[in-house]
Amino acid sequence: MPATPEVLFVCVHNAGRSQMAAALLQHHAGGRVAVRSAGSAPAETVNPAVVTVMAELGLDLSREVPTKLTTDTVEAADVVVTMGCGDSCPVFPGKRYLDWDLTDPAGKGVDEVREIRDDIERRVLDLVAELERTG
C-alpha cells in the first residue's frame, strides 16, 4: 500500500451505500486514506433517508452529488469496495477488490437505512484497522 492508500466505494446509483461508506471512511480515517465514491448508473441526488441518518452522526451529505464511475477512478484506487454494482464495475489486475453484500437503501425508511449505515460503519472500522496494519 502507498503512504496514503486510496479507497473507492462503488454502488449502482452512488446515492446511498457508497456515499455513506465514503463519508464514514473519511471521518474515521482522519485524512490517512484518500476516499472516493462513484456509481455505475448515478442517481440525480443522494437518497434523503441517507442524508438524514448520516446527519445523526454529524456527517453532512446534503451537498454531495452522485458521481459516474470511470475507468480512471478505478485505476487510481488501491482498494475498490463494490456494493452491488454487478458486472458494471470494471476489474483491473493488481487491484484489491472487496465486495460488501449490503441492502440497497433505495425506498427504505429511516430505521432500515440506519441499520444499513451501522453495518457499513462496522465494515469501515474494520477496513481502517486493516489499512493501518498493512499500510
N, C-alpha and C. Protein backbone atom coordinates (compact mmCIF):
# COMPACT_ATOMS: atom_id res chain seq x y z
N MET A 1 0.83 -1.19 0.00
CA MET A 1 0.00 0.00 0.00
C MET A 1 0.88 1.25 0.00
N PRO A 2 0.46 2.28 -0.73
CA PRO A 2 1.18 3.54 -0.70
C PRO A 2 1.02 4.23 0.66
N ALA A 3 1.78 5.29 0.89
CA ALA A 3 1.71 6.01 2.16
C ALA A 3 0.28 6.46 2.46
N THR A 4 -0.42 6.94 1.45
CA THR A 4 -1.83 7.30 1.61
C THR A 4 -2.63 6.44 0.64
N PRO A 5 -3.18 5.34 1.13
CA PRO A 5 -3.94 4.47 0.22
C PRO A 5 -5.22 5.16 -0.23
N GLU A 6 -5.66 4.82 -1.44
CA GLU A 6 -6.90 5.36 -1.97
C GLU A 6 -7.94 4.25 -2.05
N VAL A 7 -9.11 4.54 -1.47
CA VAL A 7 -10.21 3.58 -1.45
C VAL A 7 -11.36 4.16 -2.27
N LEU A 8 -11.91 3.34 -3.14
CA LEU A 8 -13.06 3.70 -3.97
C LEU A 8 -14.23 2.82 -3.58
N PHE A 9 -15.35 3.46 -3.23
CA PHE A 9 -16.59 2.75 -2.94
C PHE A 9 -17.51 2.88 -4.15
N VAL A 10 -18.04 1.74 -4.62
CA VAL A 10 -18.86 1.73 -5.83
C VAL A 10 -20.18 1.01 -5.58
N CYS A 11 -21.28 1.67 -5.94
CA CYS A 11 -22.58 1.01 -5.99
C CYS A 11 -23.27 1.49 -7.26
N VAL A 12 -24.48 1.09 -7.48
CA VAL A 12 -25.14 1.41 -8.74
C VAL A 12 -25.42 2.90 -8.86
N HIS A 13 -26.12 3.47 -7.89
CA HIS A 13 -26.59 4.84 -8.03
C HIS A 13 -25.73 5.88 -7.32
N ASN A 14 -24.77 5.46 -6.52
CA ASN A 14 -23.91 6.37 -5.75
C ASN A 14 -24.77 7.37 -4.97
N ALA A 15 -25.90 6.87 -4.47
CA ALA A 15 -26.84 7.73 -3.75
C ALA A 15 -27.09 7.24 -2.34
N GLY A 16 -26.48 6.11 -1.97
CA GLY A 16 -26.76 5.53 -0.66
C GLY A 16 -25.56 4.87 -0.04
N ARG A 17 -25.39 3.58 -0.33
CA ARG A 17 -24.33 2.79 0.32
C ARG A 17 -22.94 3.38 0.13
N SER A 18 -22.58 3.67 -1.10
CA SER A 18 -21.22 4.16 -1.36
C SER A 18 -21.01 5.56 -0.78
N GLN A 19 -22.05 6.37 -0.77
CA GLN A 19 -21.94 7.71 -0.16
C GLN A 19 -21.73 7.59 1.35
N MET A 20 -22.49 6.70 2.00
CA MET A 20 -22.33 6.51 3.44
C MET A 20 -20.93 5.97 3.75
N ALA A 21 -20.49 4.98 2.99
CA ALA A 21 -19.18 4.38 3.24
C ALA A 21 -18.06 5.40 3.08
N ALA A 22 -18.13 6.21 2.03
CA ALA A 22 -17.09 7.22 1.81
C ALA A 22 -17.05 8.23 2.95
N ALA A 23 -18.20 8.71 3.36
CA ALA A 23 -18.24 9.69 4.45
C ALA A 23 -17.74 9.09 5.76
N LEU A 24 -18.11 7.85 6.02
CA LEU A 24 -17.66 7.19 7.25
C LEU A 24 -16.16 6.93 7.23
N LEU A 25 -15.63 6.52 6.08
CA LEU A 25 -14.19 6.29 6.00
C LEU A 25 -13.43 7.60 6.15
N GLN A 26 -13.88 8.65 5.50
CA GLN A 26 -13.22 9.96 5.67
C GLN A 26 -13.21 10.36 7.13
N HIS A 27 -14.34 10.16 7.80
CA HIS A 27 -14.47 10.53 9.21
C HIS A 27 -13.52 9.71 10.09
N HIS A 28 -13.55 8.40 9.94
CA HIS A 28 -12.79 7.53 10.83
C HIS A 28 -11.30 7.45 10.49
N ALA A 29 -10.94 7.69 9.24
CA ALA A 29 -9.52 7.62 8.86
C ALA A 29 -8.79 8.93 9.12
N GLY A 30 -9.52 10.00 9.31
CA GLY A 30 -8.90 11.28 9.66
C GLY A 30 -7.81 11.74 8.71
N GLY A 31 -8.03 11.60 7.40
CA GLY A 31 -7.07 12.07 6.42
C GLY A 31 -5.97 11.08 6.08
N ARG A 32 -5.96 9.92 6.71
CA ARG A 32 -4.92 8.92 6.44
C ARG A 32 -5.23 8.07 5.21
N VAL A 33 -6.43 8.25 4.65
CA VAL A 33 -6.86 7.50 3.48
C VAL A 33 -7.54 8.47 2.52
N ALA A 34 -7.20 8.38 1.23
CA ALA A 34 -7.92 9.15 0.21
C ALA A 34 -9.17 8.35 -0.14
N VAL A 35 -10.31 9.03 -0.20
CA VAL A 35 -11.58 8.33 -0.36
C VAL A 35 -12.37 8.92 -1.53
N ARG A 36 -12.94 8.03 -2.34
CA ARG A 36 -13.83 8.43 -3.43
C ARG A 36 -15.01 7.47 -3.44
N SER A 37 -16.10 7.92 -4.07
CA SER A 37 -17.22 7.03 -4.32
C SER A 37 -17.77 7.34 -5.71
N ALA A 38 -18.41 6.34 -6.30
CA ALA A 38 -18.96 6.51 -7.64
C ALA A 38 -20.04 5.46 -7.86
N GLY A 39 -20.80 5.67 -8.93
CA GLY A 39 -21.86 4.73 -9.28
C GLY A 39 -21.83 4.37 -10.75
N SER A 40 -22.23 3.15 -11.04
CA SER A 40 -22.26 2.70 -12.43
C SER A 40 -23.40 3.37 -13.20
N ALA A 41 -24.47 3.76 -12.51
CA ALA A 41 -25.60 4.48 -13.11
C ALA A 41 -26.07 5.51 -12.08
N PRO A 42 -25.32 6.59 -11.90
CA PRO A 42 -25.60 7.51 -10.80
C PRO A 42 -26.99 8.15 -10.84
N ALA A 43 -27.55 8.30 -9.65
CA ALA A 43 -28.83 8.99 -9.49
C ALA A 43 -28.59 10.49 -9.60
N GLU A 44 -29.66 11.25 -9.55
CA GLU A 44 -29.52 12.71 -9.60
C GLU A 44 -29.15 13.29 -8.24
N THR A 45 -29.63 12.66 -7.16
CA THR A 45 -29.37 13.18 -5.81
C THR A 45 -29.10 12.02 -4.85
N VAL A 46 -28.53 12.37 -3.71
CA VAL A 46 -28.33 11.39 -2.65
C VAL A 46 -29.68 11.12 -1.99
N ASN A 47 -29.93 9.88 -1.65
CA ASN A 47 -31.15 9.43 -1.00
C ASN A 47 -31.41 10.28 0.26
N PRO A 48 -32.58 10.91 0.39
CA PRO A 48 -32.86 11.76 1.55
C PRO A 48 -32.77 11.02 2.89
N ALA A 49 -33.16 9.74 2.93
CA ALA A 49 -33.05 8.97 4.17
C ALA A 49 -31.58 8.78 4.56
N VAL A 50 -30.72 8.64 3.57
CA VAL A 50 -29.28 8.53 3.81
C VAL A 50 -28.75 9.84 4.39
N VAL A 51 -29.16 10.96 3.83
CA VAL A 51 -28.75 12.27 4.34
C VAL A 51 -29.17 12.40 5.80
N THR A 52 -30.39 11.98 6.12
CA THR A 52 -30.91 12.07 7.48
C THR A 52 -30.11 11.23 8.47
N VAL A 53 -29.85 9.96 8.14
CA VAL A 53 -29.16 9.10 9.11
C VAL A 53 -27.69 9.46 9.25
N MET A 54 -27.11 10.01 8.22
CA MET A 54 -25.71 10.45 8.34
C MET A 54 -25.61 11.73 9.17
N ALA A 55 -26.62 12.60 9.06
CA ALA A 55 -26.65 13.82 9.87
C ALA A 55 -26.73 13.48 11.35
N GLU A 56 -27.35 12.35 11.67
CA GLU A 56 -27.41 11.90 13.06
C GLU A 56 -26.01 11.69 13.64
N LEU A 57 -25.05 11.39 12.78
CA LEU A 57 -23.65 11.19 13.20
C LEU A 57 -22.82 12.45 13.02
N GLY A 58 -23.47 13.54 12.62
CA GLY A 58 -22.75 14.79 12.38
C GLY A 58 -22.05 14.84 11.03
N LEU A 59 -22.45 13.98 10.10
CA LEU A 59 -21.84 13.95 8.77
C LEU A 59 -22.86 14.46 7.75
N ASP A 60 -22.53 15.55 7.09
CA ASP A 60 -23.45 16.24 6.18
C ASP A 60 -23.25 15.77 4.74
N LEU A 61 -24.22 15.04 4.23
CA LEU A 61 -24.18 14.60 2.84
C LEU A 61 -25.14 15.40 1.96
N SER A 62 -25.71 16.45 2.51
CA SER A 62 -26.74 17.19 1.77
C SER A 62 -26.21 17.87 0.51
N ARG A 63 -24.92 18.12 0.44
CA ARG A 63 -24.36 18.78 -0.74
C ARG A 63 -23.62 17.82 -1.67
N GLU A 64 -23.62 16.55 -1.32
CA GLU A 64 -22.95 15.55 -2.16
C GLU A 64 -23.77 15.30 -3.42
N VAL A 65 -23.07 14.99 -4.49
CA VAL A 65 -23.71 14.71 -5.78
C VAL A 65 -23.21 13.35 -6.28
N PRO A 66 -24.12 12.44 -6.63
CA PRO A 66 -23.68 11.16 -7.18
C PRO A 66 -22.77 11.36 -8.40
N THR A 67 -21.74 10.52 -8.46
CA THR A 67 -20.69 10.64 -9.47
C THR A 67 -20.65 9.38 -10.34
N LYS A 68 -20.37 9.56 -11.61
CA LYS A 68 -20.28 8.44 -12.55
C LYS A 68 -18.95 7.70 -12.39
N LEU A 69 -19.02 6.41 -12.32
CA LEU A 69 -17.83 5.56 -12.25
C LEU A 69 -17.09 5.62 -13.58
N THR A 70 -15.78 5.86 -13.50
CA THR A 70 -14.95 5.88 -14.71
C THR A 70 -13.80 4.90 -14.56
N THR A 71 -13.24 4.53 -15.67
CA THR A 71 -12.07 3.66 -15.66
C THR A 71 -10.92 4.32 -14.91
N ASP A 72 -10.73 5.62 -15.11
CA ASP A 72 -9.64 6.34 -14.43
C ASP A 72 -9.80 6.30 -12.92
N THR A 73 -11.03 6.40 -12.44
CA THR A 73 -11.28 6.36 -10.99
C THR A 73 -10.88 5.00 -10.43
N VAL A 74 -11.21 3.95 -11.14
CA VAL A 74 -10.85 2.60 -10.67
C VAL A 74 -9.35 2.42 -10.73
N GLU A 75 -8.72 2.87 -11.81
CA GLU A 75 -7.27 2.72 -11.95
C GLU A 75 -6.51 3.44 -10.84
N ALA A 76 -7.04 4.56 -10.35
CA ALA A 76 -6.37 5.35 -9.32
C ALA A 76 -6.48 4.72 -7.93
N ALA A 77 -7.44 3.82 -7.74
CA ALA A 77 -7.70 3.26 -6.42
C ALA A 77 -6.76 2.11 -6.10
N ASP A 78 -6.43 2.00 -4.81
CA ASP A 78 -5.67 0.85 -4.31
C ASP A 78 -6.63 -0.25 -3.88
N VAL A 79 -7.75 0.15 -3.30
CA VAL A 79 -8.78 -0.78 -2.85
C VAL A 79 -10.11 -0.32 -3.45
N VAL A 80 -10.82 -1.25 -4.09
CA VAL A 80 -12.13 -0.97 -4.66
C VAL A 80 -13.15 -1.81 -3.89
N VAL A 81 -14.09 -1.12 -3.25
CA VAL A 81 -15.14 -1.81 -2.50
C VAL A 81 -16.43 -1.70 -3.30
N THR A 82 -16.92 -2.84 -3.78
CA THR A 82 -18.15 -2.86 -4.56
C THR A 82 -19.32 -3.21 -3.65
N MET A 83 -20.47 -2.66 -4.00
CA MET A 83 -21.68 -2.84 -3.19
C MET A 83 -22.86 -3.06 -4.11
N GLY A 84 -22.85 -4.16 -4.81
CA GLY A 84 -24.00 -4.48 -5.64
C GLY A 84 -24.00 -3.86 -7.03
N CYS A 85 -22.82 -3.55 -7.57
CA CYS A 85 -22.83 -2.96 -8.92
C CYS A 85 -22.71 -4.03 -9.99
N GLY A 86 -22.59 -5.26 -9.62
CA GLY A 86 -22.60 -6.37 -10.57
C GLY A 86 -21.52 -6.28 -11.62
N ASP A 87 -21.86 -6.63 -12.84
CA ASP A 87 -20.90 -6.67 -13.93
C ASP A 87 -20.52 -5.29 -14.45
N SER A 88 -21.15 -4.23 -13.97
CA SER A 88 -20.85 -2.90 -14.48
C SER A 88 -19.62 -2.28 -13.82
N CYS A 89 -19.01 -2.99 -12.87
CA CYS A 89 -17.79 -2.49 -12.24
C CYS A 89 -16.58 -3.04 -13.00
N PRO A 90 -15.75 -2.17 -13.56
CA PRO A 90 -14.56 -2.67 -14.26
C PRO A 90 -13.59 -3.32 -13.28
N VAL A 91 -12.93 -4.36 -13.73
CA VAL A 91 -11.98 -5.08 -12.90
C VAL A 91 -10.60 -4.97 -13.54
N PHE A 92 -9.63 -4.55 -12.74
CA PHE A 92 -8.27 -4.39 -13.23
C PHE A 92 -7.34 -5.31 -12.44
N PRO A 93 -6.42 -5.98 -13.14
CA PRO A 93 -5.45 -6.81 -12.44
C PRO A 93 -4.62 -5.96 -11.48
N GLY A 94 -4.28 -6.55 -10.35
CA GLY A 94 -3.43 -5.86 -9.39
C GLY A 94 -4.18 -4.98 -8.40
N LYS A 95 -5.46 -4.79 -8.60
CA LYS A 95 -6.27 -4.01 -7.66
C LYS A 95 -6.84 -4.96 -6.62
N ARG A 96 -6.99 -4.44 -5.43
CA ARG A 96 -7.63 -5.23 -4.39
C ARG A 96 -9.12 -4.91 -4.40
N TYR A 97 -9.94 -5.93 -4.51
CA TYR A 97 -11.39 -5.76 -4.54
C TYR A 97 -12.01 -6.40 -3.31
N LEU A 98 -12.96 -5.68 -2.72
CA LEU A 98 -13.78 -6.22 -1.65
C LEU A 98 -15.22 -6.08 -2.11
N ASP A 99 -16.04 -7.09 -1.91
CA ASP A 99 -17.45 -6.99 -2.26
C ASP A 99 -18.26 -7.06 -0.97
N TRP A 100 -18.88 -5.95 -0.63
CA TRP A 100 -19.70 -5.88 0.57
C TRP A 100 -21.15 -6.11 0.17
N ASP A 101 -21.71 -7.20 0.66
CA ASP A 101 -23.10 -7.55 0.39
C ASP A 101 -23.98 -6.75 1.35
N LEU A 102 -24.52 -5.64 0.86
CA LEU A 102 -25.32 -4.73 1.69
C LEU A 102 -26.68 -4.50 1.05
N THR A 103 -27.67 -4.33 1.88
CA THR A 103 -29.01 -3.99 1.40
C THR A 103 -28.98 -2.61 0.78
N ASP A 104 -29.65 -2.46 -0.35
CA ASP A 104 -29.77 -1.15 -1.01
C ASP A 104 -30.77 -0.31 -0.22
N PRO A 105 -30.39 0.90 0.20
CA PRO A 105 -31.31 1.73 0.98
C PRO A 105 -32.42 2.39 0.16
N ALA A 106 -32.38 2.25 -1.16
CA ALA A 106 -33.41 2.87 -2.01
C ALA A 106 -34.79 2.39 -1.59
N GLY A 107 -35.69 3.35 -1.34
CA GLY A 107 -37.06 3.02 -0.99
C GLY A 107 -37.27 2.58 0.44
N LYS A 108 -36.21 2.58 1.24
CA LYS A 108 -36.31 2.15 2.64
C LYS A 108 -36.54 3.35 3.55
N GLY A 109 -37.15 3.10 4.69
CA GLY A 109 -37.37 4.14 5.69
C GLY A 109 -36.12 4.41 6.50
N VAL A 110 -36.16 5.45 7.29
CA VAL A 110 -35.00 5.88 8.07
C VAL A 110 -34.51 4.78 9.01
N ASP A 111 -35.41 4.04 9.65
CA ASP A 111 -34.99 2.99 10.58
C ASP A 111 -34.19 1.90 9.86
N GLU A 112 -34.65 1.49 8.68
CA GLU A 112 -33.92 0.48 7.92
C GLU A 112 -32.59 1.02 7.40
N VAL A 113 -32.58 2.27 6.96
CA VAL A 113 -31.35 2.89 6.45
C VAL A 113 -30.34 3.05 7.59
N ARG A 114 -30.82 3.33 8.79
CA ARG A 114 -29.94 3.44 9.96
C ARG A 114 -29.22 2.11 10.20
N GLU A 115 -29.93 0.99 10.06
CA GLU A 115 -29.32 -0.33 10.21
C GLU A 115 -28.25 -0.57 9.15
N ILE A 116 -28.54 -0.17 7.92
CA ILE A 116 -27.56 -0.31 6.84
C ILE A 116 -26.33 0.55 7.15
N ARG A 117 -26.56 1.78 7.60
CA ARG A 117 -25.46 2.68 7.96
C ARG A 117 -24.57 2.05 9.04
N ASP A 118 -25.20 1.47 10.05
CA ASP A 118 -24.44 0.87 11.14
C ASP A 118 -23.63 -0.33 10.66
N ASP A 119 -24.18 -1.11 9.75
CA ASP A 119 -23.45 -2.24 9.15
C ASP A 119 -22.24 -1.71 8.37
N ILE A 120 -22.47 -0.67 7.58
CA ILE A 120 -21.37 -0.07 6.82
C ILE A 120 -20.30 0.47 7.77
N GLU A 121 -20.71 1.12 8.84
CA GLU A 121 -19.73 1.68 9.77
C GLU A 121 -18.85 0.59 10.38
N ARG A 122 -19.44 -0.54 10.74
CA ARG A 122 -18.64 -1.66 11.28
C ARG A 122 -17.60 -2.12 10.25
N ARG A 123 -18.02 -2.24 9.01
CA ARG A 123 -17.10 -2.68 7.95
C ARG A 123 -16.01 -1.64 7.70
N VAL A 124 -16.38 -0.36 7.74
CA VAL A 124 -15.41 0.71 7.54
C VAL A 124 -14.37 0.71 8.66
N LEU A 125 -14.81 0.53 9.88
CA LEU A 125 -13.87 0.48 11.01
C LEU A 125 -12.89 -0.68 10.86
N ASP A 126 -13.39 -1.83 10.40
CA ASP A 126 -12.51 -2.98 10.14
C ASP A 126 -11.51 -2.64 9.03
N LEU A 127 -11.98 -1.96 7.98
CA LEU A 127 -11.10 -1.58 6.87
C LEU A 127 -10.03 -0.60 7.34
N VAL A 128 -10.40 0.37 8.15
CA VAL A 128 -9.42 1.33 8.67
C VAL A 128 -8.35 0.59 9.47
N ALA A 129 -8.75 -0.31 10.33
CA ALA A 129 -7.80 -1.08 11.14
C ALA A 129 -6.87 -1.90 10.25
N GLU A 130 -7.43 -2.51 9.22
CA GLU A 130 -6.61 -3.31 8.30
C GLU A 130 -5.62 -2.44 7.53
N LEU A 131 -6.07 -1.31 7.04
CA LEU A 131 -5.19 -0.41 6.29
C LEU A 131 -4.06 0.10 7.18
N GLU A 132 -4.36 0.35 8.44
CA GLU A 132 -3.32 0.80 9.37
C GLU A 132 -2.30 -0.30 9.62
N ARG A 133 -2.74 -1.55 9.69
CA ARG A 133 -1.83 -2.68 9.91
C ARG A 133 -0.93 -2.92 8.70
N THR A 134 -1.52 -2.83 7.50
CA THR A 134 -0.78 -3.18 6.29
C THR A 134 -0.12 -1.99 5.62
N GLY A 135 -0.52 -0.78 6.01
CA GLY A 135 -0.02 0.40 5.33
C GLY A 135 1.16 1.01 6.01
